Amino acid sequence: MYSVEIFDKLKAIHEKIKSENTGSRAQFAKDLQITEHALWRYIGIFKERKIPVKFSKRGNTYFYDINENEEVRIVWEFRLLIRENHS
């Protein structure tokens, strides 16, 4: 389970990637006030969930390699689940 701080960081990373305005890995990490290694671990969370994050040397930015009919969202929700009583 992830902490609120991790979700906040993932959301910030997502917004920068979505806008395709991250700069290099060093600049991106600096903007987020984290180490490059920490950034790599966060990007790994996206990749573990099969979200194709790539880096463009030409554009000097990370981006989502998705079709125009696809969208990446960070969803954090709370739900009340009611268990059925089977007694």
N, C-alpha and C. Protein backbone atom coordinates (compact mmCIF):
# COMPACT_ATOMS: atom_id res chain seq x y z
N MET A 1 0.85 -1.17 0.00
CA MET A 1 0.00 0.00 0.00
C MET A 1 0.89 1.24 0.00
N TYR A 2 0.47 2.26 -0.71
CA TYR A 2 1.26 3.47 -0.85
C TYR A 2 0.78 4.55 0.09
N SER A 3 1.71 5.38 0.54
CA SER A 3 1.37 6.49 1.42
C SER A 3 0.85 7.67 0.60
N VAL A 4 0.25 8.62 1.28
CA VAL A 4 -0.26 9.83 0.63
C VAL A 4 0.86 10.56 -0.09
N GLU A 5 2.04 10.61 0.50
CA GLU A 5 3.17 11.30 -0.12
C GLU A 5 3.56 10.66 -1.44
N ILE A 6 3.52 9.34 -1.49
CA ILE A 6 3.85 8.65 -2.74
C ILE A 6 2.80 8.94 -3.80
N PHE A 7 1.54 8.92 -3.42
CA PHE A 7 0.48 9.25 -4.39
C PHE A 7 0.64 10.68 -4.90
N ASP A 8 0.97 11.60 -4.01
CA ASP A 8 1.18 12.99 -4.43
C ASP A 8 2.34 13.08 -5.42
N LYS A 9 3.41 12.36 -5.16
CA LYS A 9 4.57 12.38 -6.05
C LYS A 9 4.21 11.74 -7.40
N LEU A 10 3.48 10.62 -7.37
CA LEU A 10 3.05 9.98 -8.61
C LEU A 10 2.17 10.91 -9.43
N LYS A 11 1.30 11.63 -8.76
CA LYS A 11 0.43 12.57 -9.47
C LYS A 11 1.25 13.69 -10.12
N ALA A 12 2.23 14.21 -9.41
CA ALA A 12 3.09 15.27 -9.95
C ALA A 12 3.88 14.74 -11.16
N ILE A 13 4.40 13.53 -11.05
CA ILE A 13 5.14 12.92 -12.15
C ILE A 13 4.21 12.73 -13.35
N HIS A 14 3.03 12.22 -13.09
CA HIS A 14 2.04 12.01 -14.16
C HIS A 14 1.72 13.30 -14.89
N GLU A 15 1.48 14.38 -14.16
CA GLU A 15 1.12 15.66 -14.78
C GLU A 15 2.25 16.17 -15.69
N LYS A 16 3.49 16.03 -15.24
CA LYS A 16 4.63 16.47 -16.06
C LYS A 16 4.79 15.59 -17.30
N ILE A 17 4.65 14.28 -17.13
CA ILE A 17 4.77 13.38 -18.28
C ILE A 17 3.64 13.65 -19.26
N LYS A 18 2.44 13.82 -18.74
CA LYS A 18 1.27 14.07 -19.60
C LYS A 18 1.46 15.33 -20.45
N SER A 19 2.08 16.35 -19.86
CA SER A 19 2.31 17.60 -20.59
C SER A 19 3.54 17.52 -21.50
N GLU A 20 4.27 16.39 -21.40
CA GLU A 20 5.50 16.19 -22.17
C GLU A 20 6.45 17.36 -22.01
N ASN A 21 6.69 17.70 -20.74
CA ASN A 21 7.53 18.85 -20.40
C ASN A 21 8.39 18.52 -19.19
N THR A 22 9.11 17.39 -19.26
CA THR A 22 9.88 16.96 -18.09
C THR A 22 11.33 17.40 -18.12
N GLY A 23 11.88 17.58 -19.31
CA GLY A 23 13.32 17.78 -19.42
C GLY A 23 14.03 16.46 -19.20
N SER A 24 15.32 16.52 -19.02
CA SER A 24 16.12 15.31 -18.80
C SER A 24 15.75 14.67 -17.47
N ARG A 25 16.25 13.45 -17.25
CA ARG A 25 15.98 12.79 -15.97
C ARG A 25 16.52 13.62 -14.82
N ALA A 26 17.70 14.20 -14.98
CA ALA A 26 18.29 15.03 -13.93
C ALA A 26 17.42 16.26 -13.65
N GLN A 27 16.97 16.92 -14.70
CA GLN A 27 16.14 18.11 -14.52
C GLN A 27 14.78 17.75 -13.92
N PHE A 28 14.20 16.66 -14.39
CA PHE A 28 12.90 16.20 -13.90
C PHE A 28 12.99 15.91 -12.40
N ALA A 29 14.02 15.18 -12.00
CA ALA A 29 14.21 14.86 -10.58
C ALA A 29 14.41 16.13 -9.76
N LYS A 30 15.20 17.04 -10.29
CA LYS A 30 15.45 18.31 -9.58
C LYS A 30 14.15 19.08 -9.39
N ASP A 31 13.33 19.16 -10.44
CA ASP A 31 12.04 19.86 -10.35
C ASP A 31 11.12 19.24 -9.30
N LEU A 32 11.22 17.90 -9.15
CA LEU A 32 10.39 17.19 -8.17
C LEU A 32 11.02 17.15 -6.78
N GLN A 33 12.24 17.64 -6.68
CA GLN A 33 13.01 17.66 -5.43
C GLN A 33 13.23 16.24 -4.89
N ILE A 34 13.61 15.35 -5.82
CA ILE A 34 13.96 13.98 -5.47
C ILE A 34 15.23 13.61 -6.21
N THR A 35 15.81 12.47 -5.86
CA THR A 35 17.01 12.01 -6.56
C THR A 35 16.60 11.35 -7.88
N GLU A 36 17.57 11.23 -8.78
CA GLU A 36 17.31 10.54 -10.04
C GLU A 36 16.93 9.08 -9.79
N HIS A 37 17.57 8.48 -8.79
CA HIS A 37 17.25 7.09 -8.45
C HIS A 37 15.80 6.97 -7.98
N ALA A 38 15.35 7.90 -7.16
CA ALA A 38 13.95 7.89 -6.69
C ALA A 38 13.00 8.07 -7.87
N LEU A 39 13.35 8.96 -8.79
CA LEU A 39 12.52 9.16 -9.98
C LEU A 39 12.41 7.86 -10.76
N TRP A 40 13.54 7.16 -10.92
CA TRP A 40 13.54 5.90 -11.65
C TRP A 40 12.62 4.87 -10.98
N ARG A 41 12.62 4.86 -9.63
CA ARG A 41 11.73 3.94 -8.89
C ARG A 41 10.27 4.31 -9.12
N TYR A 42 9.96 5.61 -9.09
CA TYR A 42 8.57 6.04 -9.34
C TYR A 42 8.13 5.67 -10.75
N ILE A 43 8.98 5.90 -11.73
CA ILE A 43 8.63 5.54 -13.10
C ILE A 43 8.44 4.03 -13.21
N GLY A 44 9.19 3.29 -12.41
CA GLY A 44 9.02 1.83 -12.36
C GLY A 44 7.63 1.43 -11.90
N ILE A 45 7.02 2.22 -11.02
CA ILE A 45 5.64 1.94 -10.57
C ILE A 45 4.69 2.02 -11.75
N PHE A 46 4.88 3.01 -12.62
CA PHE A 46 4.05 3.12 -13.81
C PHE A 46 4.26 1.89 -14.71
N LYS A 47 5.52 1.55 -14.92
CA LYS A 47 5.84 0.44 -15.82
C LYS A 47 5.33 -0.89 -15.28
N GLU A 48 5.35 -1.08 -13.96
CA GLU A 48 4.82 -2.30 -13.35
C GLU A 48 3.34 -2.46 -13.67
N ARG A 49 2.66 -1.35 -13.87
CA ARG A 49 1.24 -1.36 -14.19
C ARG A 49 0.98 -1.28 -15.69
N LYS A 50 2.01 -1.60 -16.45
CA LYS A 50 1.94 -1.68 -17.92
C LYS A 50 1.62 -0.33 -18.57
N ILE A 51 2.03 0.76 -17.93
CA ILE A 51 1.87 2.10 -18.51
C ILE A 51 3.18 2.42 -19.23
N PRO A 52 3.12 2.56 -20.55
CA PRO A 52 4.34 2.73 -21.34
C PRO A 52 4.93 4.14 -21.25
N VAL A 53 5.83 4.33 -20.31
CA VAL A 53 6.54 5.60 -20.16
C VAL A 53 7.85 5.47 -20.93
N LYS A 54 8.11 6.42 -21.80
CA LYS A 54 9.34 6.41 -22.59
C LYS A 54 9.99 7.78 -22.54
N PHE A 55 11.25 7.83 -22.95
CA PHE A 55 11.97 9.09 -23.01
C PHE A 55 12.31 9.41 -24.45
N SER A 56 12.06 10.64 -24.87
CA SER A 56 12.41 11.10 -26.20
C SER A 56 13.68 11.94 -26.12
N LYS A 57 14.76 11.44 -26.70
CA LYS A 57 15.99 12.24 -26.75
C LYS A 57 15.77 13.48 -27.59
N ARG A 58 15.03 13.32 -28.66
CA ARG A 58 14.76 14.44 -29.57
C ARG A 58 13.98 15.55 -28.87
N GLY A 59 12.94 15.17 -28.13
CA GLY A 59 12.12 16.16 -27.42
C GLY A 59 12.62 16.47 -26.02
N ASN A 60 13.61 15.69 -25.55
CA ASN A 60 14.17 15.84 -24.21
C ASN A 60 13.06 15.82 -23.15
N THR A 61 12.20 14.80 -23.25
CA THR A 61 11.11 14.68 -22.29
C THR A 61 10.63 13.23 -22.20
N TYR A 62 10.09 12.90 -21.03
CA TYR A 62 9.38 11.63 -20.89
C TYR A 62 7.99 11.84 -21.47
N PHE A 63 7.39 10.74 -21.95
CA PHE A 63 6.05 10.81 -22.51
C PHE A 63 5.38 9.45 -22.38
N TYR A 64 4.05 9.43 -22.52
CA TYR A 64 3.31 8.18 -22.53
C TYR A 64 3.20 7.73 -23.98
N ASP A 65 3.66 6.52 -24.27
CA ASP A 65 3.59 5.96 -25.61
C ASP A 65 2.26 5.23 -25.76
N ILE A 66 1.20 6.02 -25.97
CA ILE A 66 -0.15 5.48 -26.05
C ILE A 66 -0.85 6.00 -27.31
N ASN A 67 -1.90 5.31 -27.70
CA ASN A 67 -2.72 5.74 -28.83
C ASN A 67 -3.57 6.94 -28.43
N GLU A 68 -4.05 7.69 -29.41
CA GLU A 68 -4.84 8.88 -29.10
C GLU A 68 -6.18 8.55 -28.44
N ASN A 69 -6.64 7.30 -28.56
CA ASN A 69 -7.89 6.91 -27.90
C ASN A 69 -7.66 6.33 -26.51
N GLU A 70 -6.41 6.38 -26.03
CA GLU A 70 -6.07 5.90 -24.69
C GLU A 70 -5.74 7.09 -23.78
N GLU A 71 -5.86 6.86 -22.49
CA GLU A 71 -5.59 7.90 -21.51
C GLU A 71 -4.97 7.26 -20.28
N VAL A 72 -4.04 7.96 -19.66
CA VAL A 72 -3.44 7.50 -18.41
C VAL A 72 -4.00 8.38 -17.30
N ARG A 73 -4.50 7.74 -16.25
CA ARG A 73 -5.03 8.47 -15.10
C ARG A 73 -4.45 7.88 -13.82
N ILE A 74 -4.25 8.75 -12.85
CA ILE A 74 -3.89 8.30 -11.51
C ILE A 74 -5.19 8.34 -10.71
N VAL A 75 -5.61 7.19 -10.21
CA VAL A 75 -6.87 7.12 -9.48
C VAL A 75 -6.58 6.65 -8.06
N TRP A 76 -7.04 7.44 -7.14
CA TRP A 76 -6.92 7.08 -5.73
C TRP A 76 -8.30 7.26 -5.15
N GLU A 77 -8.90 6.18 -4.71
CA GLU A 77 -10.27 6.29 -4.25
C GLU A 77 -10.47 5.52 -2.95
N PHE A 78 -11.43 5.98 -2.21
CA PHE A 78 -11.86 5.29 -1.01
C PHE A 78 -13.26 4.76 -1.27
N ARG A 79 -13.53 3.57 -0.82
CA ARG A 79 -14.85 2.98 -1.00
C ARG A 79 -15.25 2.26 0.26
N LEU A 80 -16.54 2.23 0.49
CA LEU A 80 -17.10 1.43 1.55
C LEU A 80 -17.60 0.14 0.91
N LEU A 81 -17.04 -0.95 1.32
CA LEU A 81 -17.46 -2.24 0.78
C LEU A 81 -18.26 -2.97 1.86
N ILE A 82 -19.41 -3.43 1.50
CA ILE A 82 -20.27 -4.12 2.46
C ILE A 82 -20.20 -5.61 2.16
N ARG A 83 -19.79 -6.36 3.18
CA ARG A 83 -19.70 -7.80 3.03
C ARG A 83 -21.07 -8.42 3.26
N GLU A 84 -21.40 -9.38 2.44
CA GLU A 84 -22.67 -10.08 2.64
C GLU A 84 -22.47 -11.09 3.76
N ASN A 85 -23.50 -11.21 4.61
CA ASN A 85 -23.45 -12.17 5.71
C ASN A 85 -23.98 -13.50 5.19
N HIS A 86 -23.11 -14.50 5.15
CA HIS A 86 -23.49 -15.81 4.63
C HIS A 86 -23.76 -16.82 5.74
N SER A 87 -24.26 -16.35 6.89
CA SER A 87 -24.50 -17.31 7.97
C SER A 87 -25.92 -17.80 8.01
